[in-house]
Amino acid sequence: MPFLDLSWLIILPKVEIVTNTLAVVGVEKLGNDIGKEFNWVTFVYWVGVVLGATRLFIKIAGVKKQITLPKDGDAFSFWKTKVIDRKLSDLAVINAHENIHVKQLHTFDLLLVEIVGVFFWFNPIVYAYRKSLKLIHEYLADEYACNFTVSKKQYAMLLFLQNLNAGPVLANTFYSASLLESRIKMLQRKKSSRYRLWKYVLCLPLIAILCSFNTSGITGNNNKVDQAASFPGGFDAFSKYLISNAKKVSNKNGKVIVSFVVQTNGEISNEKVEKSLDEESDKEALRVIKSSQKWKPALQNGEKVRSAYQIAINF
């Protein structure tokens, strides 16, 4: 939570808009370099997305295949389809278990988290959440299916002794070796009393405090600063920096207006194109602003504060 940036919720003190236009002149043959830069991070990300999407399609194909050609000992469901071997003992209990998966649309949950995982494959939380979600689905189905047995102990023994096939990865399966121990432990636990729900309500102030860590140093009451943020050496030095570092990357001439925020530590963040010229020029304007060295932060009442800034670059 402390790393979650919620600063956009608060109005920043605004430094005067810079009206000076900095001219960036094209260098001979510089246009030949356009598009030659290769972004490896973007490439690796999209490779991961493609591999994740391929893996998801293979999973879905595997489920369809097992639905079409079921095996002895199968007991699983996918969407509204149940596949249960009629030769199995305790058929009514297993059927009740799979009915809950179907009625509560557990397949939708699984597909949703799988799709999220395709685009956020780099985030380990996605994989932990997917496992937790499947476990909660089984808890819900087990709770209902217990009503079709004499006791929870008998249902636990059914889970432990029943020799079933593990269903497809993407399906809601009655038997899962990896989740078996957790499911049996949950059956033995007493149901939580309702007063414990208040513990979740009490978490809200704690979350608010954690969020406030990343909004410190922001003042929204007063929209003026005592001393504006400045580039080391002043505006002239900043002008020289932009002119010497920016490139003419497009045949189109015109102005790009960029806004950004100077953090309390002097770093540049929240770069945004306020007035666009074209895609290449916009990217170049953002790049050269983002590459800027640390500024001297703005001061308000003697304290460093975040402040907004805006500048025009003429290509």
C-alpha atoms as a PDB file:
ATOM      1  CA  MET A   1       0.000   0.000   0.000  1.00  0.00           C
ATOM      2  CA  PRO A   2       2.742   2.568   0.743  1.00  0.00           C
ATOM      3  CA  PHE A   3       3.944   2.181  -2.848  1.00  0.00           C
ATOM      4  CA  LEU A   4       0.509   2.901  -4.326  1.00  0.00           C
ATOM      5  CA  ASP A   5       0.581   6.403  -5.822  1.00  0.00           C
ATOM      6  CA  LEU A   6      -2.658   8.205  -4.940  1.00  0.00           C
ATOM      7  CA  SER A   7      -1.225  11.682  -5.409  1.00  0.00           C
ATOM      8  CA  TRP A   8      -3.493  12.269  -8.418  1.00  0.00           C
ATOM      9  CA  LEU A   9      -6.389  12.631  -5.952  1.00  0.00           C
ATOM     10  CA  ILE A  10      -4.906  15.839  -4.564  1.00  0.00           C
ATOM     11  CA  ILE A  11      -4.552  19.185  -6.330  1.00  0.00           C
ATOM     12  CA  LEU A  12      -0.894  20.185  -6.618  1.00  0.00           C
ATOM     13  CA  PRO A  13       0.409  23.713  -6.250  1.00  0.00           C
ATOM     14  CA  LYS A  14       0.865  24.882  -9.835  1.00  0.00           C
ATOM     15  CA  VAL A  15       4.036  26.631 -10.919  1.00  0.00           C
ATOM     16  CA  GLU A  16       3.564  29.317 -13.554  1.00  0.00           C
ATOM     17  CA  ILE A  17       3.174  27.964 -17.073  1.00  0.00           C
ATOM     18  CA  VAL A  18       6.355  28.562 -19.039  1.00  0.00           C
ATOM     19  CA  THR A  19       5.546  30.613 -22.092  1.00  0.00           C
ATOM     20  CA  ASN A  20       9.037  30.406 -23.562  1.00  0.00           C
ATOM     21  CA  THR A  21       9.162  28.119 -26.576  1.00  0.00           C
ATOM     22  CA  LEU A  22      12.332  26.069 -26.959  1.00  0.00           C
ATOM     23  CA  ALA A  23      13.297  25.422 -30.576  1.00  0.00           C
ATOM     24  CA  VAL A  24      14.674  21.998 -31.520  1.00  0.00           C
ATOM     25  CA  VAL A  25      16.317  21.991 -34.934  1.00  0.00           C
ATOM     26  CA  GLY A  26      16.752  18.835 -36.988  1.00  0.00           C
ATOM     27  CA  VAL A  27      20.260  17.505 -37.588  1.00  0.00           C
ATOM     28  CA  GLU A  28      21.223  16.201 -41.055  1.00  0.00           C
ATOM     29  CA  LYS A  29      20.502  12.480 -41.542  1.00  0.00           C
ATOM     30  CA  LEU A  30      19.069  12.261 -38.044  1.00  0.00           C
ATOM     31  CA  GLY A  31      15.791  11.084 -39.516  1.00  0.00           C
ATOM     32  CA  ASN A  32      17.491   7.882 -40.638  1.00  0.00           C
ATOM     33  CA  ASP A  33      17.723   6.812 -37.003  1.00  0.00           C
ATOM     34  CA  ILE A  34      13.964   6.972 -36.476  1.00  0.00           C
ATOM     35  CA  GLY A  35      12.540   3.632 -35.334  1.00  0.00           C
ATOM     36  CA  LYS A  36      15.955   1.963 -34.891  1.00  0.00           C
ATOM     37  CA  GLU A  37      15.764   1.931 -31.104  1.00  0.00           C
ATOM     38  CA  PHE A  38      14.581  -1.422 -29.832  1.00  0.00           C
ATOM     39  CA  ASN A  39      12.744  -1.731 -26.543  1.00  0.00           C
ATOM     40  CA  TRP A  40      13.660  -5.112 -25.046  1.00  0.00           C
ATOM     41  CA  VAL A  41      11.324  -4.719 -22.067  1.00  0.00           C
ATOM     42  CA  THR A  42       8.314  -4.256 -24.355  1.00  0.00           C
ATOM     43  CA  PHE A  43       9.446  -7.164 -26.529  1.00  0.00           C
ATOM     44  CA  VAL A  44       9.825  -9.543 -23.555  1.00  0.00           C
ATOM     45  CA  TYR A  45       6.441  -8.436 -22.168  1.00  0.00           C
ATOM     46  CA  TRP A  46       4.571  -9.181 -25.404  1.00  0.00           C
ATOM     47  CA  VAL A  47       6.384 -12.495 -25.827  1.00  0.00           C
ATOM     48  CA  GLY A  48       5.099 -13.400 -22.363  1.00  0.00           C
ATOM     49  CA  VAL A  49       1.572 -12.322 -23.331  1.00  0.00           C
ATOM     50  CA  VAL A  50       1.654 -14.460 -26.496  1.00  0.00           C
ATOM     51  CA  LEU A  51       2.967 -17.495 -24.591  1.00  0.00           C
ATOM     52  CA  GLY A  52       0.368 -16.998 -21.854  1.00  0.00           C
ATOM     53  CA  ALA A  53      -2.466 -16.721 -24.388  1.00  0.00           C
ATOM     54  CA  THR A  54      -1.216 -19.858 -26.166  1.00  0.00           C
ATOM     55  CA  ARG A  55      -1.094 -21.706 -22.851  1.00  0.00           C
ATOM     56  CA  LEU A  56      -4.665 -20.641 -22.044  1.00  0.00           C
ATOM     57  CA  PHE A  57      -5.954 -21.881 -25.418  1.00  0.00           C
ATOM     58  CA  ILE A  58      -4.197 -25.216 -24.843  1.00  0.00           C
ATOM     59  CA  LYS A  59      -5.895 -25.501 -21.435  1.00  0.00           C
ATOM     60  CA  ILE A  60      -9.325 -24.811 -22.943  1.00  0.00           C
ATOM     61  CA  ALA A  61      -8.677 -27.314 -25.731  1.00  0.00           C
ATOM     62  CA  GLY A  62      -7.679 -29.899 -23.105  1.00  0.00           C
ATOM     63  CA  VAL A  63     -10.946 -29.390 -21.238  1.00  0.00           C
ATOM     64  CA  LYS A  64     -13.012 -29.727 -24.426  1.00  0.00           C
ATOM     65  CA  LYS A  65     -11.159 -32.900 -25.343  1.00  0.00           C
ATOM     66  CA  GLN A  66     -11.803 -34.496 -21.952  1.00  0.00           C
ATOM     67  CA  ILE A  67     -15.478 -33.480 -22.107  1.00  0.00           C
ATOM     68  CA  THR A  68     -15.782 -35.123 -25.534  1.00  0.00           C
ATOM     69  CA  LEU A  69     -13.763 -38.214 -24.572  1.00  0.00           C
ATOM     70  CA  PRO A  70     -14.310 -38.742 -20.821  1.00  0.00           C
ATOM     71  CA  LYS A  71     -12.288 -41.331 -18.927  1.00  0.00           C
ATOM     72  CA  ASP A  72     -13.291 -43.777 -16.227  1.00  0.00           C
ATOM     73  CA  GLY A  73     -13.190 -42.070 -12.839  1.00  0.00           C
ATOM     74  CA  ASP A  74     -13.713 -38.541 -14.188  1.00  0.00           C
ATOM     75  CA  ALA A  75     -15.589 -36.086 -11.974  1.00  0.00           C
ATOM     76  CA  PHE A  76     -15.373 -32.433 -12.965  1.00  0.00           C
ATOM     77  CA  SER A  77     -17.368 -29.523 -14.377  1.00  0.00           C
ATOM     78  CA  PHE A  78     -16.678 -26.720 -16.821  1.00  0.00           C
ATOM     79  CA  TRP A  79     -19.135 -23.871 -17.213  1.00  0.00           C
ATOM     80  CA  LYS A  80     -22.569 -25.601 -17.295  1.00  0.00           C
ATOM     81  CA  THR A  81     -21.261 -29.010 -18.301  1.00  0.00           C
ATOM     82  CA  LYS A  82     -20.741 -31.766 -15.730  1.00  0.00           C
ATOM     83  CA  VAL A  83     -18.704 -34.892 -16.457  1.00  0.00           C
ATOM     84  CA  ILE A  84     -19.186 -37.561 -13.782  1.00  0.00           C
ATOM     85  CA  ASP A  85     -18.522 -41.270 -14.170  1.00  0.00           C
ATOM     86  CA  ARG A  86     -21.791 -43.002 -13.197  1.00  0.00           C
ATOM     87  CA  LYS A  87     -19.844 -46.018 -11.907  1.00  0.00           C
ATOM     88  CA  LEU A  88     -18.442 -43.967  -9.029  1.00  0.00           C
ATOM     89  CA  SER A  89     -19.673 -44.612  -5.515  1.00  0.00           C
ATOM     90  CA  ASP A  90     -21.318 -41.724  -3.602  1.00  0.00           C
ATOM     91  CA  LEU A  91     -22.543 -40.356  -6.926  1.00  0.00           C
ATOM     92  CA  ALA A  92     -25.113 -38.049  -5.281  1.00  0.00           C
ATOM     93  CA  VAL A  93     -22.440 -36.356  -3.146  1.00  0.00           C
ATOM     94  CA  ILE A  94     -20.122 -35.794  -6.095  1.00  0.00           C
ATOM     95  CA  ASN A  95     -23.000 -34.504  -8.210  1.00  0.00           C
ATOM     96  CA  ALA A  96     -24.005 -32.038  -5.456  1.00  0.00           C
ATOM     97  CA  HIS A  97     -20.410 -30.806  -5.285  1.00  0.00           C
ATOM     98  CA  GLU A  98     -20.249 -30.136  -9.028  1.00  0.00           C
ATOM     99  CA  ASN A  99     -23.713 -28.532  -9.001  1.00  0.00           C
ATOM    100  CA  ILE A 100     -22.379 -25.729  -6.786  1.00  0.00           C
ATOM    101  CA  HIS A 101     -19.513 -25.103  -9.178  1.00  0.00           C
ATOM    102  CA  VAL A 102     -22.023 -24.775 -12.023  1.00  0.00           C
ATOM    103  CA  LYS A 103     -24.621 -22.654 -10.183  1.00  0.00           C
ATOM    104  CA  GLN A 104     -22.084 -20.214  -8.740  1.00  0.00           C
ATOM    105  CA  LEU A 105     -20.321 -19.784 -12.113  1.00  0.00           C
ATOM    106  CA  HIS A 106     -16.914 -20.768 -10.767  1.00  0.00           C
ATOM    107  CA  THR A 107     -15.653 -21.315 -14.309  1.00  0.00           C
ATOM    108  CA  PHE A 108     -16.225 -17.612 -15.014  1.00  0.00           C
ATOM    109  CA  ASP A 109     -14.001 -16.739 -12.039  1.00  0.00           C
ATOM    110  CA  LEU A 110     -11.264 -19.063 -13.255  1.00  0.00           C
ATOM    111  CA  LEU A 111     -11.378 -17.774 -16.835  1.00  0.00           C
ATOM    112  CA  LEU A 112     -11.293 -14.179 -15.610  1.00  0.00           C
ATOM    113  CA  VAL A 113      -8.178 -14.705 -13.502  1.00  0.00           C
ATOM    114  CA  GLU A 114      -6.580 -16.661 -16.360  1.00  0.00           C
ATOM    115  CA  ILE A 115      -7.136 -13.735 -18.746  1.00  0.00           C
ATOM    116  CA  VAL A 116      -5.700 -11.322 -16.189  1.00  0.00           C
ATOM    117  CA  GLY A 117      -2.736 -13.686 -15.865  1.00  0.00           C
ATOM    118  CA  VAL A 118      -2.103 -13.497 -19.614  1.00  0.00           C
ATOM    119  CA  PHE A 119      -1.482  -9.740 -19.443  1.00  0.00           C
ATOM    120  CA  PHE A 120       0.092  -9.673 -15.969  1.00  0.00           C
ATOM    121  CA  TRP A 121       2.166 -12.852 -16.295  1.00  0.00           C
ATOM    122  CA  PHE A 122       5.125 -11.111 -14.616  1.00  0.00           C
ATOM    123  CA  ASN A 123       3.218 -10.552 -11.357  1.00  0.00           C
ATOM    124  CA  PRO A 124       3.553 -13.426  -8.835  1.00  0.00           C
ATOM    125  CA  ILE A 125       0.409 -12.264  -7.023  1.00  0.00           C
ATOM    126  CA  VAL A 126      -1.680 -13.419 -10.006  1.00  0.00           C
ATOM    127  CA  TYR A 127      -0.548 -17.036  -9.551  1.00  0.00           C
ATOM    128  CA  ALA A 128      -1.106 -16.955  -5.793  1.00  0.00           C
ATOM    129  CA  TYR A 129      -4.566 -15.462  -6.324  1.00  0.00           C
ATOM    130  CA  ARG A 130      -5.457 -18.126  -8.887  1.00  0.00           C
ATOM    131  CA  LYS A 131      -4.574 -20.919  -6.444  1.00  0.00           C
ATOM    132  CA  SER A 132      -6.454 -19.224  -3.615  1.00  0.00           C
ATOM    133  CA  LEU A 133      -9.530 -18.752  -5.812  1.00  0.00           C
ATOM    134  CA  LYS A 134      -9.668 -22.443  -6.727  1.00  0.00           C
ATOM    135  CA  LEU A 135      -9.339 -23.350  -3.065  1.00  0.00           C
ATOM    136  CA  ILE A 136     -12.232 -21.080  -2.064  1.00  0.00           C
ATOM    137  CA  HIS A 137     -14.365 -22.623  -4.818  1.00  0.00           C
ATOM    138  CA  GLU A 138     -13.711 -26.063  -3.352  1.00  0.00           C
ATOM    139  CA  TYR A 139     -14.532 -24.865   0.173  1.00  0.00           C
ATOM    140  CA  LEU A 140     -17.902 -23.595  -1.049  1.00  0.00           C
ATOM    141  CA  ALA A 141     -18.697 -26.785  -2.946  1.00  0.00           C
ATOM    142  CA  ASP A 142     -17.578 -28.995  -0.041  1.00  0.00           C
ATOM    143  CA  GLU A 143     -19.754 -27.066   2.412  1.00  0.00           C
ATOM    144  CA  TYR A 144     -22.842 -27.773   0.311  1.00  0.00           C
ATOM    145  CA  ALA A 145     -21.961 -31.387  -0.569  1.00  0.00           C
ATOM    146  CA  CYS A 146     -21.558 -32.234   3.138  1.00  0.00           C
ATOM    147  CA  ASN A 147     -25.344 -32.021   3.428  1.00  0.00           C
ATOM    148  CA  PHE A 148     -25.579 -35.223   1.377  1.00  0.00           C
ATOM    149  CA  THR A 149     -23.490 -37.251   3.842  1.00  0.00           C
ATOM    150  CA  VAL A 150     -24.017 -38.313   7.455  1.00  0.00           C
ATOM    151  CA  SER A 151     -21.266 -36.050   8.775  1.00  0.00           C
ATOM    152  CA  LYS A 152     -18.327 -33.874   7.772  1.00  0.00           C
ATOM    153  CA  LYS A 153     -16.022 -36.646   8.944  1.00  0.00           C
ATOM    154  CA  GLN A 154     -17.621 -39.056   6.493  1.00  0.00           C
ATOM    155  CA  TYR A 155     -17.280 -36.509   3.691  1.00  0.00           C
ATOM    156  CA  ALA A 156     -13.610 -36.005   4.581  1.00  0.00           C
ATOM    157  CA  MET A 157     -13.063 -39.750   4.385  1.00  0.00           C
ATOM    158  CA  LEU A 158     -14.764 -39.740   0.975  1.00  0.00           C
ATOM    159  CA  LEU A 159     -12.315 -37.115  -0.240  1.00  0.00           C
ATOM    160  CA  PHE A 160      -9.401 -39.024   1.223  1.00  0.00           C
ATOM    161  CA  LEU A 161     -10.317 -42.514   0.022  1.00  0.00           C
ATOM    162  CA  GLN A 162     -12.005 -41.807  -3.298  1.00  0.00           C
ATOM    163  CA  ASN A 163      -9.658 -42.800  -6.110  1.00  0.00           C
ATOM    164  CA  LEU A 164     -10.601 -40.375  -8.870  1.00  0.00           C
ATOM    165  CA  ASN A 165      -8.835 -38.832 -11.814  1.00  0.00           C
ATOM    166  CA  ALA A 166      -7.625 -35.285 -11.386  1.00  0.00           C
ATOM    167  CA  GLY A 167      -9.702 -33.217 -13.808  1.00  0.00           C
ATOM    168  CA  PRO A 168      -8.376 -30.740 -16.392  1.00  0.00           C
ATOM    169  CA  VAL A 169      -6.356 -27.806 -15.044  1.00  0.00           C
ATOM    170  CA  LEU A 170      -9.001 -25.248 -15.991  1.00  0.00           C
ATOM    171  CA  ALA A 171     -11.986 -27.291 -14.784  1.00  0.00           C
ATOM    172  CA  ASN A 172     -13.634 -27.511 -11.364  1.00  0.00           C
ATOM    173  CA  THR A 173     -12.677 -31.007 -10.306  1.00  0.00           C
ATOM    174  CA  PHE A 174     -13.989 -33.008  -7.356  1.00  0.00           C
ATOM    175  CA  TYR A 175     -10.587 -34.517  -6.621  1.00  0.00           C
ATOM    176  CA  SER A 176      -7.383 -32.475  -6.493  1.00  0.00           C
ATOM    177  CA  ALA A 177      -4.355 -33.888  -4.720  1.00  0.00           C
ATOM    178  CA  SER A 178      -2.727 -30.485  -4.256  1.00  0.00           C
ATOM    179  CA  LEU A 179      -5.798 -29.040  -2.487  1.00  0.00           C
ATOM    180  CA  LEU A 180      -6.875 -32.149  -0.574  1.00  0.00           C
ATOM    181  CA  GLU A 181      -5.129 -31.401   2.735  1.00  0.00           C
ATOM    182  CA  SER A 182      -6.435 -27.824   2.902  1.00  0.00           C
ATOM    183  CA  ARG A 183      -9.995 -28.931   2.111  1.00  0.00           C
ATOM    184  CA  ILE A 184     -10.004 -31.571   4.841  1.00  0.00           C
ATOM    185  CA  LYS A 185      -8.625 -29.080   7.385  1.00  0.00           C
ATOM    186  CA  MET A 186     -11.341 -26.579   6.448  1.00  0.00           C
ATOM    187  CA  LEU A 187     -14.047 -29.208   7.011  1.00  0.00           C
ATOM    188  CA  GLN A 188     -12.808 -29.665  10.582  1.00  0.00           C
ATOM    189  CA  ARG A 189     -12.898 -25.952  11.418  1.00  0.00           C
ATOM    190  CA  LYS A 190     -15.802 -24.325  13.212  1.00  0.00           C
ATOM    191  CA  LYS A 191     -17.737 -21.698  11.315  1.00  0.00           C
ATOM    192  CA  SER A 192     -16.630 -18.156  12.182  1.00  0.00           C
ATOM    193  CA  SER A 193     -19.045 -16.051  14.202  1.00  0.00           C
ATOM    194  CA  ARG A 194     -20.517 -12.943  12.612  1.00  0.00           C
ATOM    195  CA  TYR A 195     -18.797 -10.553  15.015  1.00  0.00           C
ATOM    196  CA  ARG A 196     -15.499 -11.370  13.305  1.00  0.00           C
ATOM    197  CA  LEU A 197     -16.768  -9.549  10.221  1.00  0.00           C
ATOM    198  CA  TRP A 198     -16.152  -6.304  12.119  1.00  0.00           C
ATOM    199  CA  LYS A 199     -12.430  -7.018  11.930  1.00  0.00           C
ATOM    200  CA  TYR A 200     -12.616  -6.318   8.210  1.00  0.00           C
ATOM    201  CA  VAL A 201     -14.365  -3.002   8.870  1.00  0.00           C
ATOM    202  CA  LEU A 202     -11.627  -2.073  11.341  1.00  0.00           C
ATOM    203  CA  CYS A 203      -9.062  -2.617   8.561  1.00  0.00           C
ATOM    204  CA  LEU A 204     -10.380   0.420   6.642  1.00  0.00           C
ATOM    205  CA  PRO A 205      -8.738   3.058   8.882  1.00  0.00           C
ATOM    206  CA  LEU A 206      -5.491   1.102   8.674  1.00  0.00           C
ATOM    207  CA  ILE A 207      -5.674   1.104   4.866  1.00  0.00           C
ATOM    208  CA  ALA A 208      -6.312   4.864   4.907  1.00  0.00           C
ATOM    209  CA  ILE A 209      -3.210   5.381   7.063  1.00  0.00           C
ATOM    210  CA  LEU A 210      -1.085   3.233   4.765  1.00  0.00           C
ATOM    211  CA  CYS A 211      -2.305   5.126   1.715  1.00  0.00           C
ATOM    212  CA  SER A 212      -1.417   8.416   3.344  1.00  0.00           C
ATOM    213  CA  PHE A 213       2.273   7.431   3.334  1.00  0.00           C
ATOM    214  CA  ASN A 214       2.493   8.096  -0.373  1.00  0.00           C
ATOM    215  CA  THR A 215       0.596  11.390  -0.312  1.00  0.00           C
ATOM    216  CA  SER A 216       2.872  13.092   2.195  1.00  0.00           C
ATOM    217  CA  GLY A 217       4.428  16.337   1.113  1.00  0.00           C
ATOM    218  CA  ILE A 218       1.387  17.295  -0.975  1.00  0.00           C
ATOM    219  CA  THR A 219      -0.516  20.449  -0.113  1.00  0.00           C
ATOM    220  CA  GLY A 220      -3.896  21.064  -1.670  1.00  0.00           C
ATOM    221  CA  ASN A 221      -5.240  23.881   0.443  1.00  0.00           C
ATOM    222  CA  ASN A 222      -2.912  26.560  -0.868  1.00  0.00           C
ATOM    223  CA  ASN A 223      -2.383  26.605  -4.618  1.00  0.00           C
ATOM    224  CA  LYS A 224       0.685  28.850  -4.441  1.00  0.00           C
ATOM    225  CA  VAL A 225       4.290  28.102  -3.594  1.00  0.00           C
ATOM    226  CA  ASP A 226       6.828  30.369  -1.907  1.00  0.00           C
ATOM    227  CA  GLN A 227       9.603  29.190  -4.200  1.00  0.00           C
ATOM    228  CA  ALA A 228       8.994  27.423  -7.512  1.00  0.00           C
ATOM    229  CA  ALA A 229      10.810  24.272  -8.489  1.00  0.00           C
ATOM    230  CA  SER A 230      13.837  24.995 -10.627  1.00  0.00           C
ATOM    231  CA  PHE A 231      16.349  23.210 -12.826  1.00  0.00           C
ATOM    232  CA  PRO A 232      19.965  23.401 -11.493  1.00  0.00           C
ATOM    233  CA  GLY A 233      21.406  26.514 -13.077  1.00  0.00           C
ATOM    234  CA  GLY A 234      18.003  28.048 -13.762  1.00  0.00           C
ATOM    235  CA  PHE A 235      15.789  28.178 -16.815  1.00  0.00           C
ATOM    236  CA  ASP A 236      18.637  29.052 -19.175  1.00  0.00           C
ATOM    237  CA  ALA A 237      20.457  25.874 -18.182  1.00  0.00           C
ATOM    238  CA  PHE A 238      17.247  23.894 -18.700  1.00  0.00           C
ATOM    239  CA  SER A 239      16.811  25.460 -22.143  1.00  0.00           C
ATOM    240  CA  LYS A 240      20.350  24.458 -23.124  1.00  0.00           C
ATOM    241  CA  TYR A 241      19.733  20.926 -21.822  1.00  0.00           C
ATOM    242  CA  LEU A 242      16.562  20.497 -23.899  1.00  0.00           C
ATOM    243  CA  ILE A 243      18.048  21.984 -27.067  1.00  0.00           C
ATOM    244  CA  SER A 244      21.189  19.852 -26.855  1.00  0.00           C
ATOM    245  CA  ASN A 245      19.368  16.591 -25.986  1.00  0.00           C
ATOM    246  CA  ALA A 246      16.115  16.725 -27.951  1.00  0.00           C
ATOM    247  CA  LYS A 247      16.105  15.334 -31.497  1.00  0.00           C
ATOM    248  CA  LYS A 248      14.039  16.204 -34.536  1.00  0.00           C
ATOM    249  CA  VAL A 249      12.438  12.824 -35.071  1.00  0.00           C
ATOM    250  CA  SER A 250       9.651  13.779 -37.479  1.00  0.00           C
ATOM    251  CA  ASN A 251       9.216  15.739 -40.685  1.00  0.00           C
ATOM    252  CA  LYS A 252       6.300  17.548 -39.089  1.00  0.00           C
ATOM    253  CA  ASN A 253       6.957  20.978 -37.580  1.00  0.00           C
ATOM    254  CA  GLY A 254       5.082  22.338 -34.603  1.00  0.00           C
ATOM    255  CA  LYS A 255       4.810  22.559 -30.848  1.00  0.00           C
ATOM    256  CA  VAL A 256       4.500  19.872 -28.152  1.00  0.00           C
ATOM    257  CA  ILE A 257       3.353  21.048 -24.717  1.00  0.00           C
ATOM    258  CA  VAL A 258       4.381  18.734 -21.880  1.00  0.00           C
ATOM    259  CA  SER A 259       3.316  18.856 -18.240  1.00  0.00           C
ATOM    260  CA  PHE A 260       5.171  17.105 -15.439  1.00  0.00           C
ATOM    261  CA  VAL A 261       5.513  16.974 -11.664  1.00  0.00           C
ATOM    262  CA  VAL A 262       8.643  17.775  -9.683  1.00  0.00           C
ATOM    263  CA  GLN A 263       8.725  15.485  -6.631  1.00  0.00           C
ATOM    264  CA  THR A 264       9.958  16.527  -3.190  1.00  0.00           C
ATOM    265  CA  ASN A 265      13.259  14.757  -3.914  1.00  0.00           C
ATOM    266  CA  GLY A 266      13.643  16.646  -7.207  1.00  0.00           C
ATOM    267  CA  GLU A 267      12.797  13.754  -9.508  1.00  0.00           C
ATOM    268  CA  ILE A 268      10.558  14.268 -12.561  1.00  0.00           C
ATOM    269  CA  SER A 269       7.365  12.199 -12.764  1.00  0.00           C
ATOM    270  CA  ASN A 270       3.863  12.141 -14.269  1.00  0.00           C
ATOM    271  CA  GLU A 271       5.056  13.313 -17.684  1.00  0.00           C
ATOM    272  CA  LYS A 272       2.067  13.961 -19.925  1.00  0.00           C
ATOM    273  CA  VAL A 273       1.538  15.491 -23.369  1.00  0.00           C
ATOM    274  CA  GLU A 274      -0.942  18.350 -23.048  1.00  0.00           C
ATOM    275  CA  LYS A 275      -0.760  19.386 -26.708  1.00  0.00           C
ATOM    276  CA  SER A 276       0.290  16.804 -29.282  1.00  0.00           C
ATOM    277  CA  LEU A 277       2.167  17.203 -32.566  1.00  0.00           C
ATOM    278  CA  ASP A 278       2.577  13.608 -33.701  1.00  0.00           C
ATOM    279  CA  GLU A 279       3.455  10.301 -32.053  1.00  0.00           C
ATOM    280  CA  GLU A 280       7.217  10.487 -32.704  1.00  0.00           C
ATOM    281  CA  SER A 281       7.570  14.090 -31.513  1.00  0.00           C
ATOM    282  CA  ASP A 282       5.390  13.425 -28.463  1.00  0.00           C
ATOM    283  CA  LYS A 283       7.561  10.459 -27.424  1.00  0.00           C
ATOM    284  CA  GLU A 284      10.734  12.477 -27.928  1.00  0.00           C
ATOM    285  CA  ALA A 285       9.396  15.362 -25.837  1.00  0.00           C
ATOM    286  CA  LEU A 286       8.448  12.970 -23.006  1.00  0.00           C
ATOM    287  CA  ARG A 287      11.806  11.207 -23.251  1.00  0.00           C
ATOM    288  CA  VAL A 288      13.891  14.350 -22.955  1.00  0.00           C
ATOM    289  CA  ILE A 289      11.804  15.657 -20.029  1.00  0.00           C
ATOM    290  CA  LYS A 290      11.968  12.316 -18.212  1.00  0.00           C
ATOM    291  CA  SER A 291      15.759  12.112 -18.727  1.00  0.00           C
ATOM    292  CA  SER A 292      16.269  15.459 -17.004  1.00  0.00           C
ATOM    293  CA  GLN A 293      18.464  15.523 -13.916  1.00  0.00           C
ATOM    294  CA  LYS A 294      16.929  16.198 -10.518  1.00  0.00           C
ATOM    295  CA  TRP A 295      15.406  19.629  -9.959  1.00  0.00           C
ATOM    296  CA  LYS A 296      15.339  21.753  -6.856  1.00  0.00           C
ATOM    297  CA  PRO A 297      11.858  21.082  -5.419  1.00  0.00           C
ATOM    298  CA  ALA A 298       9.334  23.829  -4.718  1.00  0.00           C
ATOM    299  CA  LEU A 299       9.051  25.225  -1.213  1.00  0.00           C
ATOM    300  CA  GLN A 300       5.866  26.052   0.636  1.00  0.00           C
ATOM    301  CA  ASN A 301       5.976  27.344   4.217  1.00  0.00           C
ATOM    302  CA  GLY A 302       9.610  26.289   4.336  1.00  0.00           C
ATOM    303  CA  GLU A 303       8.826  22.655   3.394  1.00  0.00           C
ATOM    304  CA  LYS A 304       9.518  20.791   0.152  1.00  0.00           C
ATOM    305  CA  VAL A 305       6.328  20.076  -1.810  1.00  0.00           C
ATOM    306  CA  ARG A 306       5.426  18.430  -5.093  1.00  0.00           C
ATOM    307  CA  SER A 307       4.521  20.898  -7.839  1.00  0.00           C
ATOM    308  CA  ALA A 308       3.254  20.827 -11.394  1.00  0.00           C
ATOM    309  CA  TYR A 309       5.102  22.350 -14.331  1.00  0.00           C
ATOM    310  CA  GLN A 310       4.394  22.880 -18.022  1.00  0.00           C
ATOM    311  CA  ILE A 311       6.627  23.712 -20.972  1.00  0.00           C
ATOM    312  CA  ALA A 312       6.416  23.984 -24.753  1.00  0.00           C
ATOM    313  CA  ILE A 313       8.986  22.464 -27.098  1.00  0.00           C
ATOM    314  CA  ASN A 314       8.920  23.640 -30.682  1.00  0.00           C
ATOM    315  CA  PHE A 315      10.095  21.070 -33.241  1.00  0.00           C
END
